[in-house]
Amino acid sequence: MITFQRFVLENGLRVLVHEDNSTPMAVINVLYDVGARDENPAQTGFAHLFEHLMFGGSINIPDYDGPLQKAGGENNAYTTNDLTNYYCQVPVQNIETAFWLESDRMLSLAFSEKSLSVQRKVVCEEFKEHYINKPYGDLWHKMRSLAYSVHPYRWMTIGKELKHVEDAKIEDVKAFFKKHYCPANAILVVAGPMPAAEVMVLVEKWFGSIPMGEKYVRNLPVEPPQTEAHRLTINANVPVDAFVKTWHMSGRLQDGYYVADLLTEILGGGGSSRLFQALVKEQQLFSGIDCYHYGSVDPGLFTIEGKLVKGVDMAKAEAAVMAQIERIKNEWVSEQELQKVKNKTESVMAFEDMGVTSRAGSLAFYELLGDANLMNTELEKYYAVTQADLCDYSKTLFAETNSNTVWYLSQQS
């Protein structure tokens, strides 16, 4: 049980305090309710660009990293299609340094042509390195645009086109900051060996006077049900053929999400999973195969992805994958196999929350979903999933009309 206290400041900032006296370190986690799904389709990549800009200095603090390092702290951040998260960890006696840094950049990020130019270049190089020049780098760009027609999940967090970030102007960046980076759209989690009453004094001192800003109201286009299978073949200079197939699955707060999550474990959760045993070990069609999803807040993509053994025919490999899919649609998973993946899920969740930094991030995410206490109760939703649920959901999920298939063929073969 992860204990916490929840407060809301007058400016709308949601604050969660988790007291943990087992560590000398304190964590400040600031989650902004903005991700790539909130971008203008003509200006994608801005949420991720902003993650970089937030380390470019604020009005009163030209260098974010320097003071934090002097205080014995470390920090990082990440952006997804759903959110942007910043976190730092410092010895508890220096916690006020972290409050000072985080509050100043929320209040008054420094916008300069120099900072924008530097970070724009960094992001553009990242785009080129990982998504243009890297083998298979464009695979998920292609898959997303194949699978989604209207929802903004149709582009990656890095952006849909390199040009969007290259053309980012200072006035565009300022507008994005004003729209999304304010107390009304933020969640602050403080975790560590400090009583909640002391933490709240510091929160009020450093964040209480920041103007609320305008609460961003999300109104995204809803992806219609897919009614026909989508297929794409790519020929490229890659080492081996790759197979990727996705199906639209339930969103993060829907009951089907927990069924889908357990299905990924049954099919692809390690060396004892069905896909590995059948297609890698026994039939030797794939050198490696995975089954996963991204935990998207809105309905996401259930994915099977694998690299073929050289010389294996792609149609034969896909048929073997689909044989396993048909099996899970038509035969009940044994009680023993279901219990095994539930136990594994429980241990993974427990392990993830062992560190105070992970716990702070999880609290922020569950608060974003609407209920921070879901962190303590969500496991019950997994244990409630039955053999019948797996079978019933599989029949809907794995309908061929709900699928998107990419054959990524090697020109070297």
Protein backbone atom coordinates (compact mmCIF):
# COMPACT_ATOMS: atom_id res chain seq x y z
CA MET A 1 0.00 0.00 0.00
CA ILE A 2 1.47 3.33 -1.11
CA THR A 3 0.29 6.02 1.29
CA PHE A 4 -0.05 9.66 0.25
CA GLN A 5 -1.85 12.88 1.01
CA ARG A 6 -3.47 14.99 -1.70
CA PHE A 7 -3.92 18.75 -1.79
CA VAL A 8 -4.99 21.27 -4.43
CA LEU A 9 -3.58 24.81 -4.33
CA GLU A 10 -5.76 27.81 -5.09
CA ASN A 11 -4.04 28.11 -8.48
CA GLY A 12 -5.19 24.60 -9.42
CA LEU A 13 -1.88 22.77 -8.89
CA ARG A 14 -2.58 19.23 -7.72
CA VAL A 15 -0.09 18.13 -5.05
CA LEU A 16 0.54 14.62 -3.73
CA VAL A 17 2.89 13.99 -0.82
CA HIS A 18 4.29 10.51 -0.16
CA GLU A 19 6.28 10.20 3.07
CA ASP A 20 9.03 7.58 2.95
CA ASN A 21 11.52 7.52 5.81
CA SER A 22 13.53 4.61 4.41
CA THR A 23 15.59 6.88 2.15
CA PRO A 24 17.68 10.04 2.71
CA MET A 25 16.66 11.28 -0.75
CA ALA A 26 13.70 13.42 -1.72
CA VAL A 27 12.02 13.38 -5.12
CA ILE A 28 10.12 16.17 -6.81
CA ASN A 29 8.11 15.01 -9.83
CA VAL A 30 6.25 17.51 -12.01
CA LEU A 31 3.92 16.03 -14.60
CA TYR A 32 2.36 18.29 -17.22
CA ASP A 33 -0.86 17.09 -18.81
CA VAL A 34 0.41 17.51 -22.35
CA GLY A 35 1.80 15.02 -24.83
CA ALA A 36 2.22 14.58 -28.55
CA ARG A 37 -1.53 13.91 -28.89
CA ASP A 38 -2.16 17.57 -27.97
CA GLU A 39 -0.12 19.04 -30.80
CA ASN A 40 -1.27 20.91 -33.87
CA PRO A 41 -1.07 18.37 -36.75
CA ALA A 42 0.94 20.98 -38.67
CA GLN A 43 3.36 21.48 -35.75
CA THR A 44 4.17 18.06 -34.35
CA GLY A 45 7.15 17.26 -32.13
CA PHE A 46 6.53 20.32 -29.93
CA ALA A 47 5.85 18.40 -26.70
CA HIS A 48 9.19 16.63 -27.04
CA LEU A 49 10.98 19.83 -28.12
CA PHE A 50 9.64 21.44 -24.97
CA GLU A 51 11.08 18.71 -22.78
CA HIS A 52 14.50 19.87 -24.07
CA LEU A 53 13.70 23.59 -23.80
CA MET A 54 12.75 23.22 -20.13
CA PHE A 55 16.43 22.57 -19.35
CA GLY A 56 17.56 25.70 -21.21
CA GLY A 57 17.21 27.95 -18.18
CA SER A 58 14.54 30.21 -16.69
CA ILE A 59 14.46 33.96 -16.14
CA ASN A 60 16.17 33.84 -12.73
CA ILE A 61 18.20 30.65 -13.22
CA PRO A 62 20.15 30.59 -16.50
CA ASP A 63 21.48 27.06 -15.88
CA TYR A 64 19.15 24.39 -14.50
CA ASP A 65 21.65 21.55 -14.07
CA GLY A 66 24.43 23.44 -12.27
CA PRO A 67 22.61 24.32 -9.02
CA LEU A 68 21.01 20.88 -8.84
CA GLN A 69 24.35 19.10 -9.20
CA LYS A 70 25.89 21.33 -6.51
CA ALA A 71 23.05 20.23 -4.23
CA GLY A 72 23.93 16.57 -4.88
CA GLY A 73 20.92 16.03 -7.12
CA GLU A 74 20.16 14.48 -10.48
CA ASN A 75 17.29 14.87 -12.89
CA ASN A 76 15.67 13.63 -16.05
CA ALA A 77 12.50 13.92 -18.10
CA TYR A 78 10.50 12.09 -20.73
CA THR A 79 7.68 12.78 -23.16
CA THR A 80 5.04 10.37 -24.42
CA ASN A 81 2.00 10.80 -26.64
CA ASP A 82 -0.01 11.37 -23.44
CA LEU A 83 2.14 13.40 -21.02
CA THR A 84 5.42 15.17 -20.24
CA ASN A 85 7.17 14.30 -16.98
CA TYR A 86 10.09 15.98 -15.17
CA TYR A 87 11.72 14.62 -12.04
CA CYS A 88 14.69 15.32 -9.84
CA GLN A 89 16.16 13.63 -6.78
CA VAL A 90 18.18 15.44 -4.09
CA PRO A 91 19.36 14.77 -0.53
CA VAL A 92 16.38 15.80 1.60
CA GLN A 93 18.30 18.60 3.33
CA ASN A 94 18.65 20.27 -0.09
CA ILE A 95 15.06 19.80 -1.19
CA GLU A 96 14.44 23.55 -1.39
CA THR A 97 16.92 23.79 -4.27
CA ALA A 98 14.65 21.48 -6.26
CA PHE A 99 11.56 23.53 -5.35
CA TRP A 100 13.34 26.71 -6.46
CA LEU A 101 14.38 25.20 -9.80
CA GLU A 102 11.03 23.61 -10.68
CA SER A 103 8.89 26.56 -9.65
CA ASP A 104 11.01 29.10 -11.51
CA ARG A 105 10.81 27.31 -14.82
CA MET A 106 7.05 26.79 -14.42
CA LEU A 107 6.65 30.50 -13.71
CA SER A 108 9.14 32.01 -16.14
CA LEU A 109 10.92 29.80 -18.62
CA ALA A 110 13.53 31.83 -20.51
CA PHE A 111 12.70 32.00 -24.20
CA SER A 112 15.67 32.93 -26.31
CA GLU A 113 16.48 32.41 -29.97
CA LYS A 114 19.78 30.89 -28.84
CA SER A 115 18.17 28.27 -26.58
CA LEU A 116 15.57 27.42 -29.21
CA SER A 117 18.27 27.11 -31.88
CA VAL A 118 20.38 24.80 -29.71
CA GLN A 119 17.52 22.52 -28.63
CA ARG A 120 15.93 22.47 -32.08
CA LYS A 121 19.25 21.22 -33.46
CA VAL A 122 19.51 18.54 -30.74
CA VAL A 123 15.99 17.27 -31.47
CA CYS A 124 16.56 17.31 -35.24
CA GLU A 125 19.73 15.27 -34.83
CA GLU A 126 17.84 12.80 -32.62
CA PHE A 127 15.16 12.54 -35.33
CA LYS A 128 17.78 11.82 -38.01
CA GLU A 129 19.78 9.37 -35.89
CA HIS A 130 16.92 7.24 -34.59
CA TYR A 131 14.17 7.58 -37.18
CA ILE A 132 15.81 8.32 -40.55
CA ASN A 133 19.31 6.80 -40.57
CA LYS A 134 18.72 3.83 -38.25
CA PRO A 135 17.61 0.49 -39.73
CA TYR A 136 13.84 0.04 -39.27
CA GLY A 137 13.75 3.62 -37.84
CA ASP A 138 10.71 4.64 -39.88
CA LEU A 139 8.74 1.49 -39.04
CA TRP A 140 6.58 3.02 -36.33
CA HIS A 141 6.07 6.24 -38.28
CA LYS A 142 4.61 4.07 -41.03
CA MET A 143 2.66 1.81 -38.66
CA ARG A 144 1.00 4.69 -36.82
CA SER A 145 -0.12 6.38 -40.01
CA LEU A 146 -1.38 3.01 -41.27
CA ALA A 147 -3.36 2.26 -38.10
CA TYR A 148 -4.82 5.68 -37.24
CA SER A 149 -6.87 7.86 -39.56
CA VAL A 150 -7.91 10.79 -37.33
CA HIS A 151 -6.56 10.36 -33.78
CA PRO A 152 -3.25 12.18 -33.05
CA TYR A 153 -1.60 8.89 -32.09
CA ARG A 154 -1.03 8.75 -35.85
CA TRP A 155 2.31 10.50 -35.28
CA MET A 156 5.25 9.68 -33.03
CA THR A 157 6.35 11.72 -30.02
CA ILE A 158 9.43 12.86 -31.96
CA GLY A 159 7.07 14.40 -34.52
CA LYS A 160 5.48 13.47 -37.81
CA GLU A 161 7.98 15.31 -39.98
CA LEU A 162 11.47 16.66 -39.30
CA LYS A 163 10.40 19.92 -40.94
CA HIS A 164 7.88 20.66 -38.17
CA VAL A 165 10.65 21.00 -35.58
CA GLU A 166 13.05 22.64 -38.02
CA ASP A 167 10.47 25.38 -38.66
CA ALA A 168 9.57 25.95 -34.97
CA LYS A 169 9.46 29.71 -34.28
CA ILE A 170 9.91 31.44 -30.93
CA GLU A 171 6.31 32.73 -30.97
CA ASP A 172 5.01 29.17 -31.57
CA VAL A 173 7.03 27.89 -28.64
CA LYS A 174 5.81 30.67 -26.34
CA ALA A 175 2.20 29.93 -27.27
CA PHE A 176 2.67 26.23 -26.52
CA PHE A 177 4.17 27.06 -23.11
CA LYS A 178 1.33 29.43 -22.22
CA LYS A 179 -1.30 26.89 -23.23
CA HIS A 180 0.08 23.87 -21.38
CA TYR A 181 2.74 24.79 -18.80
CA CYS A 182 0.83 26.23 -15.86
CA PRO A 183 -0.40 25.06 -12.43
CA ALA A 184 -3.87 24.25 -13.77
CA ASN A 185 -2.34 21.63 -16.07
CA ALA A 186 0.29 20.25 -13.70
CA ILE A 187 0.61 17.58 -11.01
CA LEU A 188 3.35 17.89 -8.37
CA VAL A 189 4.44 14.85 -6.37
CA VAL A 190 6.89 15.17 -3.48
CA ALA A 191 8.24 11.92 -2.04
CA GLY A 192 10.81 11.34 0.69
CA PRO A 193 11.54 11.58 4.42
CA MET A 194 9.53 14.76 5.15
CA PRO A 195 6.19 15.15 6.95
CA ALA A 196 3.38 16.32 4.66
CA ALA A 197 2.85 19.47 6.75
CA GLU A 198 6.44 20.60 6.13
CA VAL A 199 6.20 19.79 2.44
CA MET A 200 3.03 21.83 2.04
CA VAL A 201 4.69 24.90 3.57
CA LEU A 202 7.39 24.65 0.89
CA VAL A 203 4.86 23.97 -1.86
CA GLU A 204 2.89 27.09 -0.95
CA LYS A 205 6.08 29.14 -0.68
CA TRP A 206 7.43 28.17 -4.10
CA PHE A 207 4.34 27.36 -6.19
CA GLY A 208 1.42 29.09 -4.50
CA SER A 209 1.93 32.48 -6.15
CA ILE A 210 2.30 31.20 -9.74
CA PRO A 211 -0.70 32.32 -11.83
CA MET A 212 -3.16 29.50 -12.46
CA GLY A 213 -3.22 29.78 -16.24
CA GLU A 214 -6.09 28.38 -18.23
CA LYS A 215 -7.06 24.74 -17.77
CA TYR A 216 -6.48 22.95 -21.06
CA VAL A 217 -9.62 21.11 -22.15
CA ARG A 218 -8.76 18.17 -24.34
CA ASN A 219 -11.11 17.59 -27.26
CA LEU A 220 -9.43 15.07 -29.54
CA PRO A 221 -10.97 13.35 -32.56
CA VAL A 222 -12.11 9.82 -31.71
CA GLU A 223 -10.67 7.09 -33.90
CA PRO A 224 -13.56 5.26 -35.58
CA PRO A 225 -13.66 1.45 -35.43
CA GLN A 226 -11.46 -0.04 -38.12
CA THR A 227 -13.55 -1.98 -40.64
CA GLU A 228 -10.94 -3.36 -43.03
CA ALA A 229 -7.44 -4.76 -42.70
CA HIS A 230 -4.54 -2.44 -43.60
CA ARG A 231 -1.31 -3.79 -45.08
CA LEU A 232 1.98 -2.23 -46.13
CA THR A 233 5.17 -3.67 -47.60
CA ILE A 234 8.45 -1.75 -47.19
CA ASN A 235 11.64 -2.65 -49.05
CA ALA A 236 14.76 -1.24 -47.41
CA ASN A 237 18.45 -1.75 -46.81
CA VAL A 238 18.07 -3.60 -43.48
CA PRO A 239 19.84 -6.76 -42.25
CA VAL A 240 16.83 -9.12 -42.09
CA ASP A 241 13.10 -9.15 -42.78
CA ALA A 242 10.86 -7.86 -39.99
CA PHE A 243 7.19 -8.56 -39.35
CA VAL A 244 4.91 -6.23 -37.39
CA LYS A 245 1.20 -6.60 -36.85
CA THR A 246 -1.02 -4.43 -34.65
CA TRP A 247 -4.64 -4.45 -33.54
CA HIS A 248 -6.60 -1.61 -31.92
CA MET A 249 -7.02 -2.33 -28.19
CA SER A 250 -8.82 -0.73 -25.25
CA GLY A 251 -7.64 2.51 -23.63
CA ARG A 252 -5.94 2.72 -20.24
CA LEU A 253 -9.11 3.10 -18.15
CA GLN A 254 -11.23 0.50 -19.93
CA ASP A 255 -11.70 -3.03 -18.59
CA GLY A 256 -10.39 -4.52 -21.83
CA TYR A 257 -7.00 -2.93 -21.15
CA TYR A 258 -6.27 -5.41 -18.35
CA VAL A 259 -7.30 -8.36 -20.50
CA ALA A 260 -5.07 -7.12 -23.35
CA ASP A 261 -2.16 -6.58 -20.97
CA LEU A 262 -2.36 -10.18 -19.74
CA LEU A 263 -2.64 -11.41 -23.34
CA THR A 264 0.67 -9.73 -24.20
CA GLU A 265 2.30 -11.70 -21.38
CA ILE A 266 0.76 -15.01 -22.45
CA LEU A 267 1.83 -14.50 -26.06
CA GLY A 268 5.14 -12.69 -25.68
CA GLY A 269 6.27 -12.38 -22.07
CA GLY A 270 9.72 -13.93 -22.22
CA GLY A 271 11.22 -17.30 -23.00
CA SER A 272 8.30 -19.38 -21.75
CA SER A 273 5.69 -17.42 -23.76
CA ARG A 274 3.68 -19.02 -26.55
CA LEU A 275 5.17 -17.07 -29.45
CA PHE A 276 8.76 -17.65 -28.34
CA GLN A 277 8.27 -21.33 -27.68
CA ALA A 278 6.43 -22.04 -30.94
CA LEU A 279 8.04 -19.67 -33.44
CA VAL A 280 11.58 -19.15 -32.16
CA LYS A 281 12.39 -22.39 -30.34
CA GLU A 282 10.35 -25.05 -32.11
CA GLN A 283 9.69 -23.85 -35.68
CA GLN A 284 12.78 -21.55 -35.84
CA LEU A 285 11.00 -19.00 -38.04
CA PHE A 286 11.96 -15.94 -36.00
CA SER A 287 15.25 -15.03 -34.35
CA GLY A 288 13.28 -13.03 -31.80
CA ILE A 289 9.64 -12.05 -31.31
CA ASP A 290 7.85 -9.68 -28.93
CA CYS A 291 4.28 -8.92 -27.98
CA TYR A 292 3.59 -5.59 -26.27
CA HIS A 293 1.63 -2.34 -26.11
CA TYR A 294 2.50 1.18 -24.99
CA GLY A 295 -0.02 1.63 -22.16
CA SER A 296 -1.68 4.48 -24.05
CA VAL A 297 -4.35 6.51 -22.23
CA ASP A 298 -6.59 6.53 -25.32
CA PRO A 299 -7.15 3.26 -27.24
CA GLY A 300 -3.74 2.02 -28.35
CA LEU A 301 -2.14 -0.73 -30.41
CA PHE A 302 -1.61 -4.35 -29.38
CA THR A 303 1.59 -5.35 -31.19
CA ILE A 304 3.41 -8.48 -32.32
CA GLU A 305 6.84 -7.73 -33.77
CA GLY A 306 9.63 -10.05 -34.81
CA LYS A 307 12.75 -10.44 -36.92
CA LEU A 308 12.74 -13.43 -39.26
CA VAL A 309 15.46 -16.03 -39.58
CA LYS A 310 17.22 -15.44 -42.91
CA GLY A 311 15.66 -17.37 -45.75
CA VAL A 312 12.25 -17.81 -44.07
CA ASP A 313 9.30 -16.83 -46.25
CA MET A 314 7.35 -13.88 -44.81
CA ALA A 315 3.95 -15.36 -45.67
CA LYS A 316 4.88 -18.57 -43.85
CA ALA A 317 6.05 -16.57 -40.80
CA GLU A 318 2.82 -14.57 -40.67
CA ALA A 319 0.73 -17.74 -41.02
CA ALA A 320 2.57 -19.22 -38.03
CA VAL A 321 1.86 -16.11 -35.95
CA MET A 322 -1.81 -16.23 -36.92
CA ALA A 323 -2.01 -19.91 -35.97
CA GLN A 324 -1.10 -18.89 -32.41
CA ILE A 325 -3.67 -16.09 -32.54
CA GLU A 326 -6.38 -18.53 -33.67
CA ARG A 327 -5.45 -20.85 -30.85
CA ILE A 328 -5.90 -18.16 -28.19
CA LYS A 329 -9.20 -17.08 -29.78
CA ASN A 330 -10.65 -20.58 -29.80
CA GLU A 331 -9.13 -22.41 -26.81
CA TRP A 332 -9.37 -21.31 -23.20
CA VAL A 333 -6.07 -20.44 -21.58
CA SER A 334 -5.48 -22.88 -18.73
CA GLU A 335 -6.07 -21.68 -15.18
CA GLN A 336 -2.40 -22.41 -14.42
CA GLU A 337 -1.11 -20.29 -17.34
CA LEU A 338 -3.44 -17.41 -16.43
CA GLN A 339 -2.37 -17.52 -12.79
CA LYS A 340 1.28 -17.51 -13.85
CA VAL A 341 0.94 -14.27 -15.84
CA LYS A 342 -1.10 -12.66 -13.05
CA ASN A 343 1.67 -13.52 -10.58
CA LYS A 344 4.28 -12.11 -12.94
CA THR A 345 2.25 -8.91 -13.36
CA GLU A 346 2.05 -8.52 -9.59
CA SER A 347 5.80 -8.97 -9.16
CA VAL A 348 6.58 -6.52 -11.98
CA MET A 349 4.29 -3.89 -10.44
CA ALA A 350 5.85 -4.39 -7.02
CA PHE A 351 9.39 -4.21 -8.39
CA GLU A 352 8.63 -1.04 -10.39
CA ASP A 353 7.53 0.77 -7.24
CA MET A 354 10.48 -0.22 -5.03
CA GLY A 355 12.37 3.01 -5.75
CA VAL A 356 11.05 6.31 -4.41
CA THR A 357 11.54 8.00 -7.81
CA SER A 358 9.39 5.36 -9.54
CA ARG A 359 6.73 5.66 -6.86
CA ALA A 360 6.56 9.42 -7.31
CA GLY A 361 6.20 9.04 -11.07
CA SER A 362 3.49 6.40 -10.68
CA LEU A 363 1.49 8.57 -8.28
CA ALA A 364 1.62 11.44 -10.76
CA PHE A 365 0.48 9.20 -13.61
CA TYR A 366 -2.44 7.69 -11.69
CA GLU A 367 -3.50 11.18 -10.60
CA LEU A 368 -3.46 12.13 -14.29
CA LEU A 369 -5.75 9.17 -14.97
CA GLY A 370 -8.13 10.60 -12.39
CA ASP A 371 -7.44 8.59 -9.24
CA ALA A 372 -4.02 8.34 -7.60
CA ASN A 373 -5.29 5.53 -5.37
CA LEU A 374 -5.68 3.34 -8.46
CA MET A 375 -1.99 2.69 -7.87
CA ASN A 376 -3.03 0.64 -4.83
CA THR A 377 -6.13 -1.05 -6.28
CA GLU A 378 -5.29 -1.71 -9.93
CA LEU A 379 -3.91 -5.19 -9.27
CA GLU A 380 -7.45 -6.28 -8.34
CA LYS A 381 -8.52 -5.53 -11.92
CA TYR A 382 -5.91 -7.97 -13.23
CA TYR A 383 -6.93 -10.68 -10.77
CA ALA A 384 -10.57 -10.24 -11.80
CA VAL A 385 -9.80 -11.29 -15.40
CA THR A 386 -11.13 -14.79 -16.16
CA GLN A 387 -10.37 -17.43 -18.79
CA ALA A 388 -13.66 -16.55 -20.47
CA ASP A 389 -12.66 -12.86 -20.57
CA LEU A 390 -9.45 -13.74 -22.42
CA CYS A 391 -11.29 -15.83 -24.97
CA ASP A 392 -14.11 -13.33 -25.53
CA TYR A 393 -11.84 -10.31 -25.80
CA SER A 394 -9.47 -12.14 -28.16
CA LYS A 395 -12.29 -12.77 -30.62
CA THR A 396 -12.97 -9.03 -30.89
CA LEU A 397 -9.37 -7.82 -30.60
CA PHE A 398 -7.91 -10.17 -33.17
CA ALA A 399 -10.51 -9.66 -35.89
CA GLU A 400 -8.57 -9.36 -39.15
CA THR A 401 -10.55 -6.22 -40.03
CA ASN A 402 -9.05 -4.63 -36.88
CA SER A 403 -5.47 -5.36 -37.96
CA ASN A 404 -2.57 -3.46 -39.49
CA THR A 405 0.32 -5.46 -40.98
CA VAL A 406 3.75 -4.31 -42.11
CA TRP A 407 6.18 -6.52 -43.98
CA TYR A 408 9.58 -4.87 -43.71
CA LEU A 409 11.65 -6.66 -46.33
CA SER A 410 15.42 -6.66 -46.57
CA GLN A 411 16.90 -5.78 -49.94
CA GLN A 412 20.02 -7.63 -48.78
CA SER A 413 18.21 -10.99 -48.85
